[in-house]
Amino acid sequence: MADELEAFVLSVGTRIQRVREARGLSRRDLGVAIGLNEQSANPGIHGVETGGRATQIDTLYRIATALDVSPGFLLDGGSLEIVRKVEV
């Protein structure tokens, strides 16, 4: 079970990294966008991407929002749904 969990966490991190890079964001940029301070932004996102840091659901939601994708995509790798914020 621990191996399966580790593989799942790493797959989520890999999807985050791929989308972040496709968006042209550095780890620092993404970290600051989700509310981390500048000093912890790069190592914080690195930890998420490499599976070295457990990610809470609210953090995952903020990451998905900053990357403009659905949280579900980050979790299960299903179809990439682009989420657009619409001002009303």
PDB file of N, CA and C in Angstrom:
ATOM      1  N   MET A   1       0.823  -1.199   0.000  1.00  0.00           N
ATOM      2  CA  MET A   1       0.000   0.000   0.000  1.00  0.00           C
ATOM      3  C   MET A   1       0.863   1.256   0.000  1.00  0.00           C
ATOM      4  N   ALA A   2       1.938   1.261   0.765  1.00  0.00           N
ATOM      5  CA  ALA A   2       2.806   2.428   0.814  1.00  0.00           C
ATOM      6  C   ALA A   2       3.416   2.702  -0.549  1.00  0.00           C
ATOM      7  N   ASP A   3       3.786   1.647  -1.285  1.00  0.00           N
ATOM      8  CA  ASP A   3       4.351   1.823  -2.619  1.00  0.00           C
ATOM      9  C   ASP A   3       3.325   2.427  -3.576  1.00  0.00           C
ATOM     10  N   GLU A   4       2.071   1.995  -3.467  1.00  0.00           N
ATOM     11  CA  GLU A   4       1.015   2.536  -4.319  1.00  0.00           C
ATOM     12  C   GLU A   4       0.758   4.005  -4.012  1.00  0.00           C
ATOM     13  N   LEU A   5       0.746   4.345  -2.743  1.00  0.00           N
ATOM     14  CA  LEU A   5       0.546   5.732  -2.344  1.00  0.00           C
ATOM     15  C   LEU A   5       1.701   6.597  -2.841  1.00  0.00           C
ATOM     16  N   GLU A   6       2.908   6.115  -2.678  1.00  0.00           N
ATOM     17  CA  GLU A   6       4.082   6.849  -3.144  1.00  0.00           C
ATOM     18  C   GLU A   6       4.016   7.073  -4.655  1.00  0.00           C
ATOM     19  N   ALA A   7       3.621   6.069  -5.403  1.00  0.00           N
ATOM     20  CA  ALA A   7       3.496   6.189  -6.858  1.00  0.00           C
ATOM     21  C   ALA A   7       2.409   7.198  -7.226  1.00  0.00           C
ATOM     22  N   PHE A   8       1.295   7.185  -6.506  1.00  0.00           N
ATOM     23  CA  PHE A   8       0.210   8.130  -6.759  1.00  0.00           C
ATOM     24  C   PHE A   8       0.664   9.559  -6.508  1.00  0.00           C
ATOM     25  N   VAL A   9       1.305   9.795  -5.367  1.00  0.00           N
ATOM     26  CA  VAL A   9       1.775  11.137  -5.021  1.00  0.00           C
ATOM     27  C   VAL A   9       2.771  11.634  -6.070  1.00  0.00           C
ATOM     28  N   LEU A  10       3.655  10.755  -6.509  1.00  0.00           N
ATOM     29  CA  LEU A  10       4.632  11.130  -7.526  1.00  0.00           C
ATOM     30  C   LEU A  10       3.949  11.429  -8.857  1.00  0.00           C
ATOM     31  N   SER A  11       2.908  10.677  -9.209  1.00  0.00           N
ATOM     32  CA  SER A  11       2.213  10.943 -10.476  1.00  0.00           C
ATOM     33  C   SER A  11       1.501  12.299 -10.438  1.00  0.00           C
ATOM     34  N   VAL A  12       0.947  12.668  -9.293  1.00  0.00           N
ATOM     35  CA  VAL A  12       0.330  13.992  -9.149  1.00  0.00           C
ATOM     36  C   VAL A  12       1.400  15.067  -9.319  1.00  0.00           C
ATOM     37  N   GLY A  13       2.529  14.882  -8.665  1.00  0.00           N
ATOM     38  CA  GLY A  13       3.627  15.844  -8.773  1.00  0.00           C
ATOM     39  C   GLY A  13       4.144  15.980 -10.193  1.00  0.00           C
ATOM     40  N   THR A  14       4.218  14.871 -10.898  1.00  0.00           N
ATOM     41  CA  THR A  14       4.676  14.899 -12.290  1.00  0.00           C
ATOM     42  C   THR A  14       3.709  15.686 -13.163  1.00  0.00           C
ATOM     43  N   ARG A  15       2.402  15.502 -12.954  1.00  0.00           N
ATOM     44  CA  ARG A  15       1.419  16.268 -13.727  1.00  0.00           C
ATOM     45  C   ARG A  15       1.527  17.757 -13.411  1.00  0.00           C
ATOM     46  N   ILE A  16       1.718  18.090 -12.147  1.00  0.00           N
ATOM     47  CA  ILE A  16       1.892  19.501 -11.773  1.00  0.00           C
ATOM     48  C   ILE A  16       3.101  20.077 -12.495  1.00  0.00           C
ATOM     49  N   GLN A  17       4.213  19.362 -12.470  1.00  0.00           N
ATOM     50  CA  GLN A  17       5.434  19.846 -13.112  1.00  0.00           C
ATOM     51  C   GLN A  17       5.231  20.039 -14.619  1.00  0.00           C
ATOM     52  N   ARG A  18       4.604  19.077 -15.276  1.00  0.00           N
ATOM     53  CA  ARG A  18       4.393  19.174 -16.727  1.00  0.00           C
ATOM     54  C   ARG A  18       3.535  20.382 -17.097  1.00  0.00           C
ATOM     55  N   VAL A  19       2.458  20.589 -16.362  1.00  0.00           N
ATOM     56  CA  VAL A  19       1.589  21.730 -16.667  1.00  0.00           C
ATOM     57  C   VAL A  19       2.311  23.034 -16.341  1.00  0.00           C
ATOM     58  N   ARG A  20       3.017  23.081 -15.217  1.00  0.00           N
ATOM     59  CA  ARG A  20       3.758  24.288 -14.843  1.00  0.00           C
ATOM     60  C   ARG A  20       4.746  24.662 -15.944  1.00  0.00           C
ATOM     61  N   GLU A  21       5.501  23.679 -16.418  1.00  0.00           N
ATOM     62  CA  GLU A  21       6.485  23.942 -17.469  1.00  0.00           C
ATOM     63  C   GLU A  21       5.802  24.352 -18.772  1.00  0.00           C
ATOM     64  N   ALA A  22       4.679  23.721 -19.093  1.00  0.00           N
ATOM     65  CA  ALA A  22       3.942  24.091 -20.310  1.00  0.00           C
ATOM     66  C   ALA A  22       3.422  25.524 -20.236  1.00  0.00           C
ATOM     67  N   ARG A  23       3.138  25.987 -19.037  1.00  0.00           N
ATOM     68  CA  ARG A  23       2.666  27.362 -18.827  1.00  0.00           C
ATOM     69  C   ARG A  23       3.833  28.356 -18.769  1.00  0.00           C
ATOM     70  N   GLY A  24       5.067  27.847 -18.770  1.00  0.00           N
ATOM     71  CA  GLY A  24       6.232  28.726 -18.716  1.00  0.00           C
ATOM     72  C   GLY A  24       6.488  29.332 -17.353  1.00  0.00           C
ATOM     73  N   LEU A  25       6.037  28.638 -16.305  1.00  0.00           N
ATOM     74  CA  LEU A  25       6.215  29.132 -14.939  1.00  0.00           C
ATOM     75  C   LEU A  25       7.389  28.435 -14.263  1.00  0.00           C
ATOM     76  N   SER A  26       8.124  29.183 -13.492  1.00  0.00           N
ATOM     77  CA  SER A  26       9.150  28.574 -12.653  1.00  0.00           C
ATOM     78  C   SER A  26       8.479  28.029 -11.392  1.00  0.00           C
ATOM     79  N   ARG A  27       9.195  27.220 -10.650  1.00  0.00           N
ATOM     80  CA  ARG A  27       8.653  26.743  -9.368  1.00  0.00           C
ATOM     81  C   ARG A  27       8.375  27.926  -8.452  1.00  0.00           C
ATOM     82  N   ARG A  28       9.270  28.893  -8.467  1.00  0.00           N
ATOM     83  CA  ARG A  28       9.103  30.078  -7.639  1.00  0.00           C
ATOM     84  C   ARG A  28       7.828  30.824  -8.031  1.00  0.00           C
ATOM     85  N   ASP A  29       7.607  31.007  -9.348  1.00  0.00           N
ATOM     86  CA  ASP A  29       6.406  31.705  -9.821  1.00  0.00           C
ATOM     87  C   ASP A  29       5.137  31.014  -9.327  1.00  0.00           C
ATOM     88  N   LEU A  30       5.099  29.690  -9.468  1.00  0.00           N
ATOM     89  CA  LEU A  30       3.915  28.947  -9.031  1.00  0.00           C
ATOM     90  C   LEU A  30       3.753  29.035  -7.523  1.00  0.00           C
ATOM     91  N   GLY A  31       4.841  28.884  -6.808  1.00  0.00           N
ATOM     92  CA  GLY A  31       4.766  28.959  -5.351  1.00  0.00           C
ATOM     93  C   GLY A  31       4.228  30.289  -4.860  1.00  0.00           C
ATOM     94  N   VAL A  32       4.715  31.377  -5.444  1.00  0.00           N
ATOM     95  CA  VAL A  32       4.232  32.706  -5.064  1.00  0.00           C
ATOM     96  C   VAL A  32       2.761  32.856  -5.451  1.00  0.00           C
ATOM     97  N   ALA A  33       2.370  32.315  -6.608  1.00  0.00           N
ATOM     98  CA  ALA A  33       0.980  32.415  -7.060  1.00  0.00           C
ATOM     99  C   ALA A  33       0.008  31.718  -6.114  1.00  0.00           C
ATOM    100  N   ILE A  34       0.474  30.690  -5.401  1.00  0.00           N
ATOM    101  CA  ILE A  34      -0.428  29.989  -4.478  1.00  0.00           C
ATOM    102  C   ILE A  34      -0.284  30.472  -3.040  1.00  0.00           C
ATOM    103  N   GLY A  35       0.539  31.519  -2.845  1.00  0.00           N
ATOM    104  CA  GLY A  35       0.609  32.140  -1.529  1.00  0.00           C
ATOM    105  C   GLY A  35       1.830  31.812  -0.689  1.00  0.00           C
ATOM    106  N   LEU A  36       2.800  31.097  -1.258  1.00  0.00           N
ATOM    107  CA  LEU A  36       4.038  30.850  -0.512  1.00  0.00           C
ATOM    108  C   LEU A  36       4.912  32.093  -0.574  1.00  0.00           C
ATOM    109  N   ASN A  37       5.727  32.309   0.453  1.00  0.00           N
ATOM    110  CA  ASN A  37       6.626  33.447   0.385  1.00  0.00           C
ATOM    111  C   ASN A  37       7.774  33.129  -0.583  1.00  0.00           C
ATOM    112  N   GLU A  38       8.463  34.147  -1.033  1.00  0.00           N
ATOM    113  CA  GLU A  38       9.475  33.977  -2.075  1.00  0.00           C
ATOM    114  C   GLU A  38      10.573  32.998  -1.677  1.00  0.00           C
ATOM    115  N   GLN A  39      10.937  32.956  -0.407  1.00  0.00           N
ATOM    116  CA  GLN A  39      12.017  32.070   0.029  1.00  0.00           C
ATOM    117  C   GLN A  39      11.602  30.604   0.045  1.00  0.00           C
ATOM    118  N   SER A  40      10.347  30.322   0.346  1.00  0.00           N
ATOM    119  CA  SER A  40       9.915  28.925   0.419  1.00  0.00           C
ATOM    120  C   SER A  40       9.216  28.458  -0.852  1.00  0.00           C
ATOM    121  N   ALA A  41       8.997  29.362  -1.814  1.00  0.00           N
ATOM    122  CA  ALA A  41       8.240  29.016  -3.017  1.00  0.00           C
ATOM    123  C   ALA A  41       8.915  27.913  -3.830  1.00  0.00           C
ATOM    124  N   ASN A  42      10.166  28.086  -4.183  1.00  0.00           N
ATOM    125  CA  ASN A  42      10.855  27.095  -5.019  1.00  0.00           C
ATOM    126  C   ASN A  42      10.974  25.746  -4.313  1.00  0.00           C
ATOM    127  N   PRO A  43      11.503  25.687  -3.078  1.00  0.00           N
ATOM    128  CA  PRO A  43      11.585  24.380  -2.420  1.00  0.00           C
ATOM    129  C   PRO A  43      10.218  23.768  -2.117  1.00  0.00           C
ATOM    130  N   GLY A  44       9.228  24.600  -1.863  1.00  0.00           N
ATOM    131  CA  GLY A  44       7.885  24.081  -1.584  1.00  0.00           C
ATOM    132  C   GLY A  44       7.294  23.376  -2.787  1.00  0.00           C
ATOM    133  N   ILE A  45       7.383  23.992  -3.943  1.00  0.00           N
ATOM    134  CA  ILE A  45       6.850  23.384  -5.164  1.00  0.00           C
ATOM    135  C   ILE A  45       7.705  22.194  -5.579  1.00  0.00           C
ATOM    136  N   HIS A  46       8.995  22.285  -5.392  1.00  0.00           N
ATOM    137  CA  HIS A  46       9.874  21.147  -5.697  1.00  0.00           C
ATOM    138  C   HIS A  46       9.445  19.928  -4.878  1.00  0.00           C
ATOM    139  N   GLY A  47       9.157  20.131  -3.609  1.00  0.00           N
ATOM    140  CA  GLY A  47       8.716  19.035  -2.747  1.00  0.00           C
ATOM    141  C   GLY A  47       7.420  18.408  -3.225  1.00  0.00           C
ATOM    142  N   VAL A  48       6.494  19.228  -3.693  1.00  0.00           N
ATOM    143  CA  VAL A  48       5.221  18.721  -4.213  1.00  0.00           C
ATOM    144  C   VAL A  48       5.463  17.925  -5.493  1.00  0.00           C
ATOM    145  N   GLU A  49       6.280  18.475  -6.387  1.00  0.00           N
ATOM    146  CA  GLU A  49       6.511  17.831  -7.681  1.00  0.00           C
ATOM    147  C   GLU A  49       7.271  16.514  -7.574  1.00  0.00           C
ATOM    148  N   THR A  50       8.127  16.394  -6.599  1.00  0.00           N
ATOM    149  CA  THR A  50       8.928  15.181  -6.473  1.00  0.00           C
ATOM    150  C   THR A  50       8.353  14.174  -5.488  1.00  0.00           C
ATOM    151  N   GLY A  51       7.206  14.491  -4.904  1.00  0.00           N
ATOM    152  CA  GLY A  51       6.561  13.575  -3.970  1.00  0.00           C
ATOM    153  C   GLY A  51       7.195  13.586  -2.591  1.00  0.00           C
ATOM    154  N   GLY A  52       8.090  14.519  -2.353  1.00  0.00           N
ATOM    155  CA  GLY A  52       8.767  14.583  -1.065  1.00  0.00           C
ATOM    156  C   GLY A  52       7.995  15.340  -0.008  1.00  0.00           C
ATOM    157  N   ARG A  53       6.862  15.881  -0.396  1.00  0.00           N
ATOM    158  CA  ARG A  53       6.067  16.677   0.537  1.00  0.00           C
ATOM    159  C   ARG A  53       4.598  16.341   0.334  1.00  0.00           C
ATOM    160  N   ALA A  54       3.916  16.001   1.392  1.00  0.00           N
ATOM    161  CA  ALA A  54       2.484  15.728   1.308  1.00  0.00           C
ATOM    162  C   ALA A  54       1.756  17.020   0.966  1.00  0.00           C
ATOM    163  N   THR A  55       0.759  16.917   0.122  1.00  0.00           N
ATOM    164  CA  THR A  55       0.022  18.092  -0.333  1.00  0.00           C
ATOM    165  C   THR A  55      -1.404  18.026   0.173  1.00  0.00           C
ATOM    166  N   GLN A  56      -1.808  19.056   0.875  1.00  0.00           N
ATOM    167  CA  GLN A  56      -3.182  19.117   1.361  1.00  0.00           C
ATOM    168  C   GLN A  56      -4.110  19.473   0.214  1.00  0.00           C
ATOM    169  N   ILE A  57      -5.358  19.130   0.355  1.00  0.00           N
ATOM    170  CA  ILE A  57      -6.329  19.342  -0.714  1.00  0.00           C
ATOM    171  C   ILE A  57      -6.486  20.816  -1.049  1.00  0.00           C
ATOM    172  N   ASP A  58      -6.409  21.701  -0.066  1.00  0.00           N
ATOM    173  CA  ASP A  58      -6.538  23.132  -0.364  1.00  0.00           C
ATOM    174  C   ASP A  58      -5.341  23.628  -1.167  1.00  0.00           C
ATOM    175  N   THR A  59      -4.155  23.078  -0.905  1.00  0.00           N
ATOM    176  CA  THR A  59      -2.972  23.443  -1.685  1.00  0.00           C
ATOM    177  C   THR A  59      -3.106  22.936  -3.112  1.00  0.00           C
ATOM    178  N   LEU A  60      -3.585  21.725  -3.265  1.00  0.00           N
ATOM    179  CA  LEU A  60      -3.802  21.163  -4.596  1.00  0.00           C
ATOM    180  C   LEU A  60      -4.801  22.019  -5.377  1.00  0.00           C
ATOM    181  N   TYR A  61      -5.836  22.473  -4.715  1.00  0.00           N
ATOM    182  CA  TYR A  61      -6.824  23.336  -5.360  1.00  0.00           C
ATOM    183  C   TYR A  61      -6.186  24.653  -5.810  1.00  0.00           C
ATOM    184  N   ARG A  62      -5.375  25.260  -4.945  1.00  0.00           N
ATOM    185  CA  ARG A  62      -4.708  26.521  -5.308  1.00  0.00           C
ATOM    186  C   ARG A  62      -3.742  26.318  -6.472  1.00  0.00           C
ATOM    187  N   ILE A  63      -3.040  25.191  -6.476  1.00  0.00           N
ATOM    188  CA  ILE A  63      -2.133  24.885  -7.587  1.00  0.00           C
ATOM    189  C   ILE A  63      -2.925  24.744  -8.882  1.00  0.00           C
ATOM    190  N   ALA A  64      -4.023  23.992  -8.852  1.00  0.00           N
ATOM    191  CA  ALA A  64      -4.854  23.805 -10.051  1.00  0.00           C
ATOM    192  C   ALA A  64      -5.372  25.144 -10.557  1.00  0.00           C
ATOM    193  N   THR A  65      -5.825  25.986  -9.650  1.00  0.00           N
ATOM    194  CA  THR A  65      -6.330  27.302 -10.031  1.00  0.00           C
ATOM    195  C   THR A  65      -5.228  28.143 -10.670  1.00  0.00           C
ATOM    196  N   ALA A  66      -4.049  28.141 -10.067  1.00  0.00           N
ATOM    197  CA  ALA A  66      -2.931  28.921 -10.615  1.00  0.00           C
ATOM    198  C   ALA A  66      -2.493  28.402 -11.980  1.00  0.00           C
ATOM    199  N   LEU A  67      -2.614  27.089 -12.197  1.00  0.00           N
ATOM    200  CA  LEU A  67      -2.220  26.498 -13.476  1.00  0.00           C
ATOM    201  C   LEU A  67      -3.363  26.494 -14.491  1.00  0.00           C
ATOM    202  N   ASP A  68      -4.547  26.912 -14.058  1.00  0.00           N
ATOM    203  CA  ASP A  68      -5.717  26.997 -14.930  1.00  0.00           C
ATOM    204  C   ASP A  68      -6.152  25.625 -15.445  1.00  0.00           C
ATOM    205  N   VAL A  69      -6.139  24.630 -14.550  1.00  0.00           N
ATOM    206  CA  VAL A  69      -6.620  23.289 -14.874  1.00  0.00           C
ATOM    207  C   VAL A  69      -7.556  22.833 -13.762  1.00  0.00           C
ATOM    208  N   SER A  70      -8.270  21.759 -14.007  1.00  0.00           N
ATOM    209  CA  SER A  70      -9.159  21.235 -12.968  1.00  0.00           C
ATOM    210  C   SER A  70      -8.334  20.452 -11.943  1.00  0.00           C
ATOM    211  N   PRO A  71      -8.726  20.497 -10.673  1.00  0.00           N
ATOM    212  CA  PRO A  71      -8.042  19.687  -9.672  1.00  0.00           C
ATOM    213  C   PRO A  71      -8.088  18.197 -10.012  1.00  0.00           C
ATOM    214  N   GLY A  72      -9.189  17.760 -10.623  1.00  0.00           N
ATOM    215  CA  GLY A  72      -9.319  16.360 -11.014  1.00  0.00           C
ATOM    216  C   GLY A  72      -8.240  15.919 -11.979  1.00  0.00           C
ATOM    217  N   PHE A  73      -7.853  16.787 -12.898  1.00  0.00           N
ATOM    218  CA  PHE A  73      -6.787  16.445 -13.830  1.00  0.00           C
ATOM    219  C   PHE A  73      -5.489  16.183 -13.075  1.00  0.00           C
ATOM    220  N   LEU A  74      -5.184  17.018 -12.103  1.00  0.00           N
ATOM    221  CA  LEU A  74      -3.945  16.821 -11.344  1.00  0.00           C
ATOM    222  C   LEU A  74      -3.992  15.511 -10.564  1.00  0.00           C
ATOM    223  N   LEU A  75      -5.172  15.134 -10.090  1.00  0.00           N
ATOM    224  CA  LEU A  75      -5.296  13.907  -9.309  1.00  0.00           C
ATOM    225  C   LEU A  75      -5.246  12.643 -10.138  1.00  0.00           C
ATOM    226  N   ASP A  76      -6.006  12.617 -11.235  1.00  0.00           N
ATOM    227  CA  ASP A  76      -6.104  11.338 -11.946  1.00  0.00           C
ATOM    228  C   ASP A  76      -5.581  11.342 -13.365  1.00  0.00           C
ATOM    229  N   GLY A  77      -5.154  12.503 -13.857  1.00  0.00           N
ATOM    230  CA  GLY A  77      -4.572  12.546 -15.194  1.00  0.00           C
ATOM    231  C   GLY A  77      -5.570  12.344 -16.305  1.00  0.00           C
ATOM    232  N   GLY A  78      -6.864  12.473 -16.003  1.00  0.00           N
ATOM    233  CA  GLY A  78      -7.890  12.338 -17.036  1.00  0.00           C
ATOM    234  C   GLY A  78      -7.747  13.437 -18.063  1.00  0.00           C
ATOM    235  N   SER A  79      -8.792  13.709 -18.762  1.00  0.00           N
ATOM    236  CA  SER A  79      -8.715  14.725 -19.806  1.00  0.00           C
ATOM    237  C   SER A  79      -8.336  16.073 -19.189  1.00  0.00           C
ATOM    238  N   LEU A  80      -7.509  16.774 -19.919  1.00  0.00           N
ATOM    239  CA  LEU A  80      -7.031  18.073 -19.454  1.00  0.00           C
ATOM    240  C   LEU A  80      -8.128  19.098 -19.662  1.00  0.00           C
ATOM    241  N   GLU A  81      -8.724  19.518 -18.574  1.00  0.00           N
ATOM    242  CA  GLU A  81      -9.784  20.517 -18.641  1.00  0.00           C
ATOM    243  C   GLU A  81      -9.198  21.864 -18.284  1.00  0.00           C
ATOM    244  N   ILE A  82      -9.255  22.788 -19.210  1.00  0.00           N
ATOM    245  CA  ILE A  82      -8.782  24.135 -18.959  1.00  0.00           C
ATOM    246  C   ILE A  82      -9.900  24.902 -18.270  1.00  0.00           C
ATOM    247  N   VAL A  83      -9.578  25.492 -17.171  1.00  0.00           N
ATOM    248  CA  VAL A  83     -10.548  26.247 -16.395  1.00  0.00           C
ATOM    249  C   VAL A  83     -10.286  27.725 -16.633  1.00  0.00           C
ATOM    250  N   ARG A  84     -11.248  28.411 -17.108  1.00  0.00           N
ATOM    251  CA  ARG A  84     -11.119  29.853 -17.341  1.00  0.00           C
ATOM    252  C   ARG A  84     -11.943  30.598 -16.306  1.00  0.00           C
ATOM    253  N   LYS A  85     -11.345  31.608 -15.749  1.00  0.00           N
ATOM    254  CA  LYS A  85     -12.055  32.449 -14.803  1.00  0.00           C
ATOM    255  C   LYS A  85     -12.851  33.483 -15.599  1.00  0.00           C
ATOM    256  N   VAL A  86     -14.126  33.573 -15.361  1.00  0.00           N
ATOM    257  CA  VAL A  86     -14.971  34.492 -16.097  1.00  0.00           C
ATOM    258  C   VAL A  86     -15.458  35.562 -15.129  1.00  0.00           C
ATOM    259  N   GLU A  87     -15.190  36.803 -15.475  1.00  0.00           N
ATOM    260  CA  GLU A  87     -15.667  37.927 -14.671  1.00  0.00           C
ATOM    261  C   GLU A  87     -17.113  38.206 -15.054  1.00  0.00           C
ATOM    262  N   VAL A  88     -17.969  38.373 -14.062  1.00  0.00           N
ATOM    263  CA  VAL A  88     -19.374  38.662 -14.333  1.00  0.00           C
ATOM    264  C   VAL A  88     -19.695  40.066 -13.898  1.00  0.00           C
TER     265      VAL A  88
END
